[in-house]
């Protein structure tokens, strides 16, 4: 089963990498993720910071409440 998931992920990554617009969006998303990770790393209570980060992501996916 892990082999199948790895194969699907690799196929999707190759398809996405072939489109320049998608590459730009992926780079932007990666910068956002790096910013969130940095913010979590700076916090003293990392579990709470990770929870807040996850809540922000969930709200954004649900329509930016």
Protein backbone atom coordinates (compact mmCIF):
# COMPACT_ATOMS: atom_id res chain seq x y z
CA UNK A 1 0.00 0.00 0.00
CA UNK A 2 2.74 2.58 0.80
CA UNK A 3 4.29 1.84 -2.60
CA UNK A 4 1.01 2.73 -4.31
CA UNK A 5 0.65 5.98 -2.38
CA UNK A 6 4.26 6.91 -3.12
CA UNK A 7 3.71 6.19 -6.82
CA UNK A 8 0.56 8.34 -6.91
CA UNK A 9 2.32 11.20 -5.10
CA UNK A 10 5.27 11.05 -7.50
CA UNK A 11 2.94 11.03 -10.52
CA UNK A 12 1.01 14.03 -9.19
CA UNK A 13 4.22 15.93 -8.44
CA UNK A 14 5.51 15.31 -11.97
CA UNK A 15 2.25 16.51 -13.51
CA UNK A 16 2.21 19.62 -11.34
CA UNK A 17 5.86 20.41 -12.04
CA UNK A 18 5.24 20.42 -15.78
CA UNK A 19 2.94 23.48 -15.56
CA UNK A 20 4.66 26.82 -14.86
CA UNK A 21 1.57 28.44 -13.26
CA UNK A 22 1.20 25.54 -10.87
CA UNK A 23 4.92 25.72 -10.01
CA UNK A 24 4.50 29.39 -9.07
CA UNK A 25 1.49 28.62 -6.89
CA UNK A 26 3.34 25.74 -5.23
CA UNK A 27 6.30 28.01 -4.49
CA UNK A 28 3.99 30.60 -2.94
CA UNK A 29 2.29 27.91 -0.84
CA UNK A 30 5.69 26.60 0.28
CA UNK A 31 6.69 30.08 1.44
CA UNK A 32 3.49 30.32 3.49
CA UNK A 33 4.17 26.92 5.06
CA UNK A 34 7.74 27.90 5.89
CA UNK A 35 6.44 31.06 7.55
CA UNK A 36 3.97 29.08 9.64
CA UNK A 37 6.65 26.59 10.67
CA UNK A 38 8.96 29.41 11.65
CA UNK A 39 6.23 30.98 13.74
CA UNK A 40 5.57 27.67 15.49
CA UNK A 41 9.29 27.21 16.15
CA UNK A 42 9.55 30.66 17.78
CA UNK A 43 6.67 30.04 20.19
CA UNK A 44 7.29 28.72 23.66
CA UNK A 45 4.17 26.51 23.63
CA UNK A 46 4.65 24.72 20.32
CA UNK A 47 1.54 22.57 20.58
CA UNK A 48 -0.67 25.60 21.04
CA UNK A 49 1.04 27.43 18.18
CA UNK A 50 0.56 24.40 15.92
CA UNK A 51 -3.11 24.27 16.87
CA UNK A 52 -3.59 27.95 16.04
CA UNK A 53 -1.81 27.45 12.72
CA UNK A 54 -4.04 24.50 11.88
CA UNK A 55 -7.15 26.52 12.81
CA UNK A 56 -6.04 29.35 10.48
CA UNK A 57 -5.58 26.86 7.65
CA UNK A 58 -8.97 25.25 8.31
CA UNK A 59 -10.71 28.63 8.33
CA UNK A 60 -9.03 29.57 5.08
CA UNK A 61 -10.18 26.32 3.46
CA UNK A 62 -13.73 26.80 4.73
CA UNK A 63 -14.14 30.24 3.26
CA UNK A 64 -11.93 32.59 5.26
CA UNK A 65 -14.25 33.24 8.19
